[in-house]
Amino acid sequence: MIETTRGIDRTAATVLIVGMTFILSPLVIALIVATQSYDEFVAAGGISLLPGQHFIGNIVQIATETNLPRQVLNSIIVATSSAAIKCTFAFLATFALVFFESRWSKLIFALTIATVMLPLDLIVVTTYQVVANVAMPLNWLIELGWYASATPTAAPHLEWNLLDTYLGIAAPIATSSTSVFIYRQFFLSLPRAAAMDGAGPLRFLIDILLPLSKTPLIATFIFWFVGGWTSYLWPLVSATSSEMQPAIVGLSRLATSEPDRIPEVPMLMAGALFVSFLPVVLIAVMQGRIVKGLNLSEK
């Protein structure tokens, strides 16, 4: 039995207030600076905590004089695509690992989880080579067969470049097996009565497993959507044109300025709030489903 005392309550409240202050302080400072004009920022000699009256003007400037609105649309497409790909493949892979008996299931699961140790940032060079020509493995097979046949003519070379495309940006971000672990924990807690009653694998998947998995699917989709939205290194490398860059990369481009000129920090802060608005609102609205979905996966 846990006793409730005033001392414990006050300590918990203090820790909570300190944590909230630490987390919210950068957001509050960014919001205050976004209300200032460039001249006010320069006159203050840096960041000032006195609110200004130019927030709407800074947002209008972001919306009309920069590519951020188009880049926000790019972020929505990339984040949605990467989250959908990741959840779909993880769901099907976990279904096969849990509900189809095999002596290799544990080994396959271990190898799948081991890929978490190779994040995209570590293999960005090789990933770039693959995305620059997706047909590279076919070229290897063609050349191997060509050499074996001793044909004097040169082997054909196939080209399929996915750089500067939504698929080329989203697909590498979706290569993560973390969802497999989450779904596996949830699937193991489900009864297999439908399979025992004679339902086929496809019917069991569509009619029973998918409806029961709605909550963890929504939770992981939102989680990976935010992850795709905040990805920076790979979109920076794979999207060279401003029209295809996501909002995070576009926001970093706003920081560049002329030599001997102070960057327009108020517009940068307004841009940061503009870019962060959608994921923050999504998390705030769906936080109950996120917590519930992750809790279900731990049973």
C-alpha atoms as a PDB file:
ATOM      1  CA  MET A   1       0.000   0.000   0.000  1.00  0.00           C
ATOM      2  CA  ILE A   2       1.365   3.441  -0.961  1.00  0.00           C
ATOM      3  CA  GLU A   3       0.888   6.252   1.545  1.00  0.00           C
ATOM      4  CA  THR A   4       0.002   9.683   0.269  1.00  0.00           C
ATOM      5  CA  THR A   5       1.749  12.449   2.196  1.00  0.00           C
ATOM      6  CA  ARG A   6       2.007  16.164   1.645  1.00  0.00           C
ATOM      7  CA  GLY A   7       5.787  15.941   1.363  1.00  0.00           C
ATOM      8  CA  ILE A   8       5.619  13.467  -1.502  1.00  0.00           C
ATOM      9  CA  ASP A   9       2.931  15.518  -3.235  1.00  0.00           C
ATOM     10  CA  ARG A  10       4.947  18.722  -2.926  1.00  0.00           C
ATOM     11  CA  THR A  11       8.119  17.041  -4.177  1.00  0.00           C
ATOM     12  CA  ALA A  12       6.301  15.557  -7.162  1.00  0.00           C
ATOM     13  CA  ALA A  13       4.692  18.915  -7.953  1.00  0.00           C
ATOM     14  CA  THR A  14       8.070  20.658  -7.741  1.00  0.00           C
ATOM     15  CA  VAL A  15       9.727  18.148 -10.041  1.00  0.00           C
ATOM     16  CA  LEU A  16       6.814  18.470 -12.481  1.00  0.00           C
ATOM     17  CA  ILE A  17       7.009  22.287 -12.490  1.00  0.00           C
ATOM     18  CA  VAL A  18      10.777  22.267 -12.989  1.00  0.00           C
ATOM     19  CA  GLY A  19      10.474  19.760 -15.840  1.00  0.00           C
ATOM     20  CA  MET A  20       7.714  21.730 -17.548  1.00  0.00           C
ATOM     21  CA  THR A  21       9.707  24.946 -17.202  1.00  0.00           C
ATOM     22  CA  PHE A  22      12.790  23.315 -18.683  1.00  0.00           C
ATOM     23  CA  ILE A  23      10.836  21.893 -21.641  1.00  0.00           C
ATOM     24  CA  LEU A  24       8.612  24.903 -22.360  1.00  0.00           C
ATOM     25  CA  SER A  25      11.213  27.671 -21.928  1.00  0.00           C
ATOM     26  CA  PRO A  26      12.675  27.384 -25.461  1.00  0.00           C
ATOM     27  CA  LEU A  27       9.169  27.395 -26.948  1.00  0.00           C
ATOM     28  CA  VAL A  28       8.161  30.479 -24.967  1.00  0.00           C
ATOM     29  CA  ILE A  29      11.360  32.322 -25.943  1.00  0.00           C
ATOM     30  CA  ALA A  30      10.831  31.395 -29.600  1.00  0.00           C
ATOM     31  CA  LEU A  31       7.259  32.669 -29.437  1.00  0.00           C
ATOM     32  CA  ILE A  32       8.359  35.989 -27.871  1.00  0.00           C
ATOM     33  CA  VAL A  33      11.144  36.523 -30.422  1.00  0.00           C
ATOM     34  CA  ALA A  34       8.729  35.696 -33.263  1.00  0.00           C
ATOM     35  CA  THR A  35       6.594  38.673 -32.207  1.00  0.00           C
ATOM     36  CA  GLN A  36       9.477  41.115 -32.684  1.00  0.00           C
ATOM     37  CA  SER A  37      10.643  42.886 -35.818  1.00  0.00           C
ATOM     38  CA  TYR A  38      14.158  42.640 -37.205  1.00  0.00           C
ATOM     39  CA  ASP A  39      14.922  46.221 -36.145  1.00  0.00           C
ATOM     40  CA  GLU A  40      13.731  45.563 -32.586  1.00  0.00           C
ATOM     41  CA  PHE A  41      15.868  42.432 -32.406  1.00  0.00           C
ATOM     42  CA  VAL A  42      18.978  44.272 -33.607  1.00  0.00           C
ATOM     43  CA  ALA A  43      18.317  47.248 -31.307  1.00  0.00           C
ATOM     44  CA  ALA A  44      18.014  44.919 -28.294  1.00  0.00           C
ATOM     45  CA  GLY A  45      21.435  43.443 -29.118  1.00  0.00           C
ATOM     46  CA  GLY A  46      20.087  39.903 -29.283  1.00  0.00           C
ATOM     47  CA  ILE A  47      17.240  37.917 -27.797  1.00  0.00           C
ATOM     48  CA  SER A  48      14.890  40.055 -25.721  1.00  0.00           C
ATOM     49  CA  LEU A  49      12.041  38.834 -23.554  1.00  0.00           C
ATOM     50  CA  LEU A  50       9.889  41.868 -24.354  1.00  0.00           C
ATOM     51  CA  PRO A  51       7.053  40.829 -26.696  1.00  0.00           C
ATOM     52  CA  GLY A  52       6.559  42.760 -29.914  1.00  0.00           C
ATOM     53  CA  GLN A  53       3.612  43.275 -32.256  1.00  0.00           C
ATOM     54  CA  HIS A  54       4.927  41.775 -35.481  1.00  0.00           C
ATOM     55  CA  PHE A  55       3.988  38.106 -35.127  1.00  0.00           C
ATOM     56  CA  ILE A  56       1.308  38.199 -37.816  1.00  0.00           C
ATOM     57  CA  GLY A  57       3.623  40.138 -40.114  1.00  0.00           C
ATOM     58  CA  ASN A  58       6.408  37.585 -39.663  1.00  0.00           C
ATOM     59  CA  ILE A  59       4.034  34.705 -40.388  1.00  0.00           C
ATOM     60  CA  VAL A  60       2.733  36.482 -43.501  1.00  0.00           C
ATOM     61  CA  GLN A  61       6.320  37.034 -44.628  1.00  0.00           C
ATOM     62  CA  ILE A  62       7.058  33.328 -44.121  1.00  0.00           C
ATOM     63  CA  ALA A  63       3.950  32.347 -46.091  1.00  0.00           C
ATOM     64  CA  THR A  64       4.459  34.744 -48.997  1.00  0.00           C
ATOM     65  CA  GLU A  65       8.219  35.260 -49.387  1.00  0.00           C
ATOM     66  CA  THR A  66       9.639  31.805 -48.672  1.00  0.00           C
ATOM     67  CA  ASN A  67       9.140  28.236 -49.889  1.00  0.00           C
ATOM     68  CA  LEU A  68       8.111  26.985 -46.438  1.00  0.00           C
ATOM     69  CA  PRO A  69       4.395  26.497 -47.312  1.00  0.00           C
ATOM     70  CA  ARG A  70       5.374  24.204 -50.223  1.00  0.00           C
ATOM     71  CA  GLN A  71       7.990  22.525 -48.046  1.00  0.00           C
ATOM     72  CA  VAL A  72       5.417  21.920 -45.302  1.00  0.00           C
ATOM     73  CA  LEU A  73       3.329  20.099 -47.920  1.00  0.00           C
ATOM     74  CA  ASN A  74       6.438  18.074 -48.819  1.00  0.00           C
ATOM     75  CA  SER A  75       6.886  17.200 -45.140  1.00  0.00           C
ATOM     76  CA  ILE A  76       3.261  16.043 -44.901  1.00  0.00           C
ATOM     77  CA  ILE A  77       3.696  13.769 -47.936  1.00  0.00           C
ATOM     78  CA  VAL A  78       7.077  12.393 -46.835  1.00  0.00           C
ATOM     79  CA  ALA A  79       6.081  11.873 -43.185  1.00  0.00           C
ATOM     80  CA  THR A  80       2.756  10.250 -44.097  1.00  0.00           C
ATOM     81  CA  SER A  81       4.363   7.993 -46.708  1.00  0.00           C
ATOM     82  CA  SER A  82       7.233   6.883 -44.467  1.00  0.00           C
ATOM     83  CA  ALA A  83       4.897   6.204 -41.525  1.00  0.00           C
ATOM     84  CA  ALA A  84       2.456   4.261 -43.723  1.00  0.00           C
ATOM     85  CA  ILE A  85       5.237   2.165 -45.285  1.00  0.00           C
ATOM     86  CA  LYS A  86       6.834   1.471 -41.916  1.00  0.00           C
ATOM     87  CA  CYS A  87       3.595   0.474 -40.193  1.00  0.00           C
ATOM     88  CA  THR A  88       2.350  -1.665 -43.109  1.00  0.00           C
ATOM     89  CA  PHE A  89       5.513  -3.716 -43.553  1.00  0.00           C
ATOM     90  CA  ALA A  90       6.065  -4.050 -39.788  1.00  0.00           C
ATOM     91  CA  PHE A  91       2.466  -5.203 -39.285  1.00  0.00           C
ATOM     92  CA  LEU A  92       2.694  -7.869 -42.004  1.00  0.00           C
ATOM     93  CA  ALA A  93       6.149  -9.022 -40.890  1.00  0.00           C
ATOM     94  CA  THR A  94       5.055  -9.327 -37.267  1.00  0.00           C
ATOM     95  CA  PHE A  95       1.919 -11.213 -38.324  1.00  0.00           C
ATOM     96  CA  ALA A  96       4.098 -13.771 -40.105  1.00  0.00           C
ATOM     97  CA  LEU A  97       6.550 -14.058 -37.190  1.00  0.00           C
ATOM     98  CA  VAL A  98       3.897 -14.537 -34.490  1.00  0.00           C
ATOM     99  CA  PHE A  99       1.116 -16.524 -36.150  1.00  0.00           C
ATOM    100  CA  PHE A 100       3.129 -18.813 -38.433  1.00  0.00           C
ATOM    101  CA  GLU A 101       5.106 -21.400 -36.526  1.00  0.00           C
ATOM    102  CA  SER A 102       8.692 -21.834 -37.687  1.00  0.00           C
ATOM    103  CA  ARG A 103      11.914 -22.865 -36.035  1.00  0.00           C
ATOM    104  CA  TRP A 104      13.550 -19.834 -37.644  1.00  0.00           C
ATOM    105  CA  SER A 105      11.085 -17.295 -36.222  1.00  0.00           C
ATOM    106  CA  LYS A 106      13.224 -16.292 -33.241  1.00  0.00           C
ATOM    107  CA  LEU A 107      16.332 -15.983 -35.390  1.00  0.00           C
ATOM    108  CA  ILE A 108      14.518 -13.850 -37.960  1.00  0.00           C
ATOM    109  CA  PHE A 109      13.081 -11.680 -35.203  1.00  0.00           C
ATOM    110  CA  ALA A 110      16.560 -11.223 -33.670  1.00  0.00           C
ATOM    111  CA  LEU A 111      18.051 -10.262 -37.031  1.00  0.00           C
ATOM    112  CA  THR A 112      15.178  -7.862 -37.657  1.00  0.00           C
ATOM    113  CA  ILE A 113      15.648  -6.111 -34.316  1.00  0.00           C
ATOM    114  CA  ALA A 114      19.428  -6.027 -34.890  1.00  0.00           C
ATOM    115  CA  THR A 115      18.868  -3.631 -37.794  1.00  0.00           C
ATOM    116  CA  VAL A 116      17.923  -0.985 -35.215  1.00  0.00           C
ATOM    117  CA  MET A 117      21.658  -0.766 -34.480  1.00  0.00           C
ATOM    118  CA  LEU A 118      22.191   0.567 -38.029  1.00  0.00           C
ATOM    119  CA  PRO A 119      20.275   3.861 -38.193  1.00  0.00           C
ATOM    120  CA  LEU A 120      19.991   5.707 -41.474  1.00  0.00           C
ATOM    121  CA  ASP A 121      22.521   8.342 -40.418  1.00  0.00           C
ATOM    122  CA  LEU A 122      25.280   5.700 -40.267  1.00  0.00           C
ATOM    123  CA  ILE A 123      24.647   4.294 -43.749  1.00  0.00           C
ATOM    124  CA  VAL A 124      23.706   7.528 -45.510  1.00  0.00           C
ATOM    125  CA  VAL A 125      26.499   7.171 -48.118  1.00  0.00           C
ATOM    126  CA  THR A 126      25.527   3.677 -49.255  1.00  0.00           C
ATOM    127  CA  THR A 127      21.838   4.589 -49.085  1.00  0.00           C
ATOM    128  CA  TYR A 128      22.532   7.538 -51.374  1.00  0.00           C
ATOM    129  CA  GLN A 129      24.257   5.220 -53.863  1.00  0.00           C
ATOM    130  CA  VAL A 130      21.294   2.838 -53.871  1.00  0.00           C
ATOM    131  CA  VAL A 131      18.647   5.560 -54.215  1.00  0.00           C
ATOM    132  CA  ALA A 132      20.677   7.278 -56.960  1.00  0.00           C
ATOM    133  CA  ASN A 133      20.250   4.076 -58.990  1.00  0.00           C
ATOM    134  CA  VAL A 134      17.746   1.574 -57.644  1.00  0.00           C
ATOM    135  CA  ALA A 135      18.569  -0.732 -60.561  1.00  0.00           C
ATOM    136  CA  MET A 136      22.121  -1.242 -59.265  1.00  0.00           C
ATOM    137  CA  PRO A 137      21.493  -4.858 -58.067  1.00  0.00           C
ATOM    138  CA  LEU A 138      20.013  -5.726 -61.474  1.00  0.00           C
ATOM    139  CA  ASN A 139      23.123  -4.334 -63.148  1.00  0.00           C
ATOM    140  CA  TRP A 140      25.288  -6.609 -60.995  1.00  0.00           C
ATOM    141  CA  LEU A 141      23.228  -9.656 -62.014  1.00  0.00           C
ATOM    142  CA  ILE A 142      23.278  -8.660 -65.678  1.00  0.00           C
ATOM    143  CA  GLU A 143      27.038  -8.138 -65.648  1.00  0.00           C
ATOM    144  CA  LEU A 144      27.556 -11.457 -63.850  1.00  0.00           C
ATOM    145  CA  GLY A 145      25.490 -13.300 -66.446  1.00  0.00           C
ATOM    146  CA  TRP A 146      27.186 -11.399 -69.269  1.00  0.00           C
ATOM    147  CA  TYR A 147      30.629 -12.446 -68.095  1.00  0.00           C
ATOM    148  CA  ALA A 148      29.491 -16.040 -67.715  1.00  0.00           C
ATOM    149  CA  SER A 149      28.194 -16.141 -71.289  1.00  0.00           C
ATOM    150  CA  ALA A 150      31.453 -14.692 -72.665  1.00  0.00           C
ATOM    151  CA  THR A 151      29.540 -12.337 -74.958  1.00  0.00           C
ATOM    152  CA  PRO A 152      31.859  -9.799 -76.625  1.00  0.00           C
ATOM    153  CA  THR A 153      29.303  -6.952 -76.506  1.00  0.00           C
ATOM    154  CA  ALA A 154      28.996  -4.680 -73.493  1.00  0.00           C
ATOM    155  CA  ALA A 155      26.355  -5.470 -70.886  1.00  0.00           C
ATOM    156  CA  PRO A 156      23.354  -3.092 -70.771  1.00  0.00           C
ATOM    157  CA  HIS A 157      23.270  -0.599 -67.943  1.00  0.00           C
ATOM    158  CA  LEU A 158      19.949   0.232 -66.256  1.00  0.00           C
ATOM    159  CA  GLU A 159      19.272   3.573 -64.544  1.00  0.00           C
ATOM    160  CA  TRP A 160      16.479   4.454 -62.106  1.00  0.00           C
ATOM    161  CA  ASN A 161      17.220   7.551 -60.036  1.00  0.00           C
ATOM    162  CA  LEU A 162      14.885   8.275 -57.107  1.00  0.00           C
ATOM    163  CA  LEU A 163      16.721  11.312 -55.759  1.00  0.00           C
ATOM    164  CA  ASP A 164      14.557  14.432 -55.541  1.00  0.00           C
ATOM    165  CA  THR A 165      11.386  12.320 -55.441  1.00  0.00           C
ATOM    166  CA  TYR A 166       8.947  11.687 -52.610  1.00  0.00           C
ATOM    167  CA  LEU A 167       9.544   7.936 -52.770  1.00  0.00           C
ATOM    168  CA  GLY A 168      13.306   8.371 -52.680  1.00  0.00           C
ATOM    169  CA  ILE A 169      13.057  10.580 -49.594  1.00  0.00           C
ATOM    170  CA  ALA A 170      10.403   8.584 -47.729  1.00  0.00           C
ATOM    171  CA  ALA A 171      11.463   4.970 -48.366  1.00  0.00           C
ATOM    172  CA  PRO A 172      14.882   5.076 -46.588  1.00  0.00           C
ATOM    173  CA  ILE A 173      13.298   6.855 -43.598  1.00  0.00           C
ATOM    174  CA  ALA A 174      10.805   3.971 -43.363  1.00  0.00           C
ATOM    175  CA  THR A 175      13.544   1.345 -42.936  1.00  0.00           C
ATOM    176  CA  SER A 176      13.214   0.681 -39.226  1.00  0.00           C
ATOM    177  CA  SER A 177      12.179  -2.460 -37.376  1.00  0.00           C
ATOM    178  CA  THR A 178      11.218  -0.880 -34.059  1.00  0.00           C
ATOM    179  CA  SER A 179       7.512  -1.298 -34.849  1.00  0.00           C
ATOM    180  CA  VAL A 180       8.039  -5.048 -35.228  1.00  0.00           C
ATOM    181  CA  PHE A 181       8.982  -5.271 -31.557  1.00  0.00           C
ATOM    182  CA  ILE A 182       5.980  -3.152 -30.504  1.00  0.00           C
ATOM    183  CA  TYR A 183       3.484  -5.141 -32.593  1.00  0.00           C
ATOM    184  CA  ARG A 184       4.963  -8.461 -31.497  1.00  0.00           C
ATOM    185  CA  GLN A 185       4.389  -7.669 -27.836  1.00  0.00           C
ATOM    186  CA  PHE A 186       0.762  -6.829 -28.611  1.00  0.00           C
ATOM    187  CA  PHE A 187       0.140  -9.830 -30.876  1.00  0.00           C
ATOM    188  CA  LEU A 188       1.448 -12.240 -28.252  1.00  0.00           C
ATOM    189  CA  SER A 189      -1.232 -11.002 -25.856  1.00  0.00           C
ATOM    190  CA  LEU A 190      -4.079 -11.808 -28.259  1.00  0.00           C
ATOM    191  CA  PRO A 191      -6.024 -15.088 -28.122  1.00  0.00           C
ATOM    192  CA  ARG A 192      -5.831 -17.350 -31.151  1.00  0.00           C
ATOM    193  CA  ALA A 193      -9.430 -18.527 -30.965  1.00  0.00           C
ATOM    194  CA  ALA A 194     -10.251 -17.374 -34.491  1.00  0.00           C
ATOM    195  CA  ALA A 195      -7.385 -19.353 -35.972  1.00  0.00           C
ATOM    196  CA  MET A 196      -8.463 -22.398 -33.973  1.00  0.00           C
ATOM    197  CA  ASP A 197     -12.028 -22.063 -35.295  1.00  0.00           C
ATOM    198  CA  GLY A 198     -10.745 -22.573 -38.832  1.00  0.00           C
ATOM    199  CA  ALA A 199     -10.422 -19.007 -40.103  1.00  0.00           C
ATOM    200  CA  GLY A 200      -7.811 -18.695 -42.846  1.00  0.00           C
ATOM    201  CA  PRO A 201      -4.753 -16.482 -42.413  1.00  0.00           C
ATOM    202  CA  LEU A 202      -6.075 -13.693 -44.646  1.00  0.00           C
ATOM    203  CA  ARG A 203      -9.501 -13.661 -43.021  1.00  0.00           C
ATOM    204  CA  PHE A 204      -7.949 -13.733 -39.540  1.00  0.00           C
ATOM    205  CA  LEU A 205      -5.701 -10.816 -40.523  1.00  0.00           C
ATOM    206  CA  ILE A 206      -8.450  -8.611 -41.985  1.00  0.00           C
ATOM    207  CA  ASP A 207     -11.482  -9.464 -39.841  1.00  0.00           C
ATOM    208  CA  ILE A 208      -9.895  -9.961 -36.410  1.00  0.00           C
ATOM    209  CA  LEU A 209      -6.282  -8.891 -36.097  1.00  0.00           C
ATOM    210  CA  LEU A 210      -6.539  -5.565 -37.927  1.00  0.00           C
ATOM    211  CA  PRO A 211      -9.548  -4.221 -35.942  1.00  0.00           C
ATOM    212  CA  LEU A 212      -7.982  -5.299 -32.634  1.00  0.00           C
ATOM    213  CA  SER A 213      -4.701  -3.607 -33.598  1.00  0.00           C
ATOM    214  CA  LYS A 214      -6.258  -0.246 -34.455  1.00  0.00           C
ATOM    215  CA  THR A 215      -5.016   1.498 -31.309  1.00  0.00           C
ATOM    216  CA  PRO A 216      -1.331   0.431 -31.493  1.00  0.00           C
ATOM    217  CA  LEU A 217      -1.356   1.082 -35.251  1.00  0.00           C
ATOM    218  CA  ILE A 218      -2.578   4.647 -34.725  1.00  0.00           C
ATOM    219  CA  ALA A 219      -0.053   5.216 -31.927  1.00  0.00           C
ATOM    220  CA  THR A 220       2.917   3.986 -33.944  1.00  0.00           C
ATOM    221  CA  PHE A 221       1.747   5.803 -37.079  1.00  0.00           C
ATOM    222  CA  ILE A 222       1.697   9.133 -35.240  1.00  0.00           C
ATOM    223  CA  PHE A 223       5.053   8.323 -33.645  1.00  0.00           C
ATOM    224  CA  TRP A 224       6.670   7.588 -37.010  1.00  0.00           C
ATOM    225  CA  PHE A 225       4.902  10.528 -38.659  1.00  0.00           C
ATOM    226  CA  VAL A 226       6.620  12.880 -36.231  1.00  0.00           C
ATOM    227  CA  GLY A 227       9.894  11.012 -36.775  1.00  0.00           C
ATOM    228  CA  GLY A 228       9.616  11.481 -40.538  1.00  0.00           C
ATOM    229  CA  TRP A 229       8.654  15.126 -40.068  1.00  0.00           C
ATOM    230  CA  THR A 230      11.785  15.877 -38.005  1.00  0.00           C
ATOM    231  CA  SER A 231      14.252  13.883 -40.161  1.00  0.00           C
ATOM    232  CA  TYR A 232      16.997  16.175 -41.370  1.00  0.00           C
ATOM    233  CA  LEU A 233      20.180  14.488 -42.622  1.00  0.00           C
ATOM    234  CA  TRP A 234      18.703  12.171 -45.258  1.00  0.00           C
ATOM    235  CA  PRO A 235      16.260  14.748 -46.728  1.00  0.00           C
ATOM    236  CA  LEU A 236      19.138  17.230 -46.825  1.00  0.00           C
ATOM    237  CA  VAL A 237      21.208  14.790 -48.899  1.00  0.00           C
ATOM    238  CA  SER A 238      18.495  13.311 -51.115  1.00  0.00           C
ATOM    239  CA  ALA A 239      16.515  16.485 -51.954  1.00  0.00           C
ATOM    240  CA  THR A 240      18.657  18.986 -53.802  1.00  0.00           C
ATOM    241  CA  SER A 241      15.949  21.311 -55.124  1.00  0.00           C
ATOM    242  CA  SER A 242      14.071  23.744 -52.904  1.00  0.00           C
ATOM    243  CA  GLU A 243      10.741  22.520 -54.341  1.00  0.00           C
ATOM    244  CA  MET A 244      11.337  18.986 -53.015  1.00  0.00           C
ATOM    245  CA  GLN A 245      12.963  19.762 -49.669  1.00  0.00           C
ATOM    246  CA  PRO A 246      10.886  19.158 -46.515  1.00  0.00           C
ATOM    247  CA  ALA A 247      10.186  21.944 -44.058  1.00  0.00           C
ATOM    248  CA  ILE A 248      12.990  21.080 -41.610  1.00  0.00           C
ATOM    249  CA  VAL A 249      15.604  21.462 -44.352  1.00  0.00           C
ATOM    250  CA  GLY A 250      13.905  24.585 -45.696  1.00  0.00           C
ATOM    251  CA  LEU A 251      13.924  26.117 -42.243  1.00  0.00           C
ATOM    252  CA  SER A 252      17.691  25.657 -41.967  1.00  0.00           C
ATOM    253  CA  ARG A 253      18.093  27.459 -45.300  1.00  0.00           C
ATOM    254  CA  LEU A 254      16.441  30.546 -43.816  1.00  0.00           C
ATOM    255  CA  ALA A 255      19.333  30.873 -41.375  1.00  0.00           C
ATOM    256  CA  THR A 256      21.770  31.735 -44.165  1.00  0.00           C
ATOM    257  CA  SER A 257      22.339  35.453 -44.596  1.00  0.00           C
ATOM    258  CA  GLU A 258      24.663  37.913 -46.251  1.00  0.00           C
ATOM    259  CA  PRO A 259      28.169  38.413 -44.813  1.00  0.00           C
ATOM    260  CA  ASP A 260      28.379  40.919 -41.947  1.00  0.00           C
ATOM    261  CA  ARG A 261      24.609  40.846 -41.537  1.00  0.00           C
ATOM    262  CA  ILE A 262      22.784  39.555 -38.499  1.00  0.00           C
ATOM    263  CA  PRO A 263      20.383  36.739 -39.448  1.00  0.00           C
ATOM    264  CA  GLU A 264      16.691  37.580 -39.286  1.00  0.00           C
ATOM    265  CA  VAL A 265      16.120  35.640 -36.062  1.00  0.00           C
ATOM    266  CA  PRO A 266      12.493  36.799 -35.554  1.00  0.00           C
ATOM    267  CA  MET A 267      11.559  35.383 -38.966  1.00  0.00           C
ATOM    268  CA  LEU A 268      13.474  32.193 -38.133  1.00  0.00           C
ATOM    269  CA  MET A 269      11.525  31.776 -34.893  1.00  0.00           C
ATOM    270  CA  ALA A 270       8.253  32.449 -36.721  1.00  0.00           C
ATOM    271  CA  GLY A 271       9.278  29.831 -39.292  1.00  0.00           C
ATOM    272  CA  ALA A 272      10.081  27.330 -36.534  1.00  0.00           C
ATOM    273  CA  LEU A 273       6.614  27.824 -35.047  1.00  0.00           C
ATOM    274  CA  PHE A 274       5.075  27.573 -38.534  1.00  0.00           C
ATOM    275  CA  VAL A 275       6.839  24.271 -39.189  1.00  0.00           C
ATOM    276  CA  SER A 276       6.159  22.819 -35.722  1.00  0.00           C
ATOM    277  CA  PHE A 277       2.464  23.689 -35.609  1.00  0.00           C
ATOM    278  CA  LEU A 278       1.063  20.565 -37.287  1.00  0.00           C
ATOM    279  CA  PRO A 279       3.035  17.873 -35.372  1.00  0.00           C
ATOM    280  CA  VAL A 280       2.472  19.656 -32.047  1.00  0.00           C
ATOM    281  CA  VAL A 281      -1.289  19.851 -32.639  1.00  0.00           C
ATOM    282  CA  LEU A 282      -1.345  16.225 -33.808  1.00  0.00           C
ATOM    283  CA  ILE A 283       0.406  15.018 -30.657  1.00  0.00           C
ATOM    284  CA  ALA A 284      -1.785  17.193 -28.416  1.00  0.00           C
ATOM    285  CA  VAL A 285      -4.991  15.860 -29.982  1.00  0.00           C
ATOM    286  CA  MET A 286      -3.919  12.222 -30.196  1.00  0.00           C
ATOM    287  CA  GLN A 287      -1.862  11.902 -27.002  1.00  0.00           C
ATOM    288  CA  GLY A 288      -4.505   9.697 -25.370  1.00  0.00           C
ATOM    289  CA  ARG A 289      -4.389   7.197 -28.240  1.00  0.00           C
ATOM    290  CA  ILE A 290      -0.586   7.243 -28.270  1.00  0.00           C
ATOM    291  CA  VAL A 291      -0.334   6.384 -24.565  1.00  0.00           C
ATOM    292  CA  LYS A 292      -3.091   3.779 -24.805  1.00  0.00           C
ATOM    293  CA  GLY A 293      -1.543   2.161 -27.886  1.00  0.00           C
ATOM    294  CA  LEU A 294       1.913   1.868 -26.343  1.00  0.00           C
ATOM    295  CA  ASN A 295       0.449   0.545 -23.074  1.00  0.00           C
ATOM    296  CA  LEU A 296      -1.448  -2.159 -24.956  1.00  0.00           C
ATOM    297  CA  SER A 297       1.749  -3.249 -26.665  1.00  0.00           C
ATOM    298  CA  GLU A 298       3.439  -3.851 -23.300  1.00  0.00           C
ATOM    299  CA  LYS A 299       0.884  -6.366 -22.012  1.00  0.00           C
END
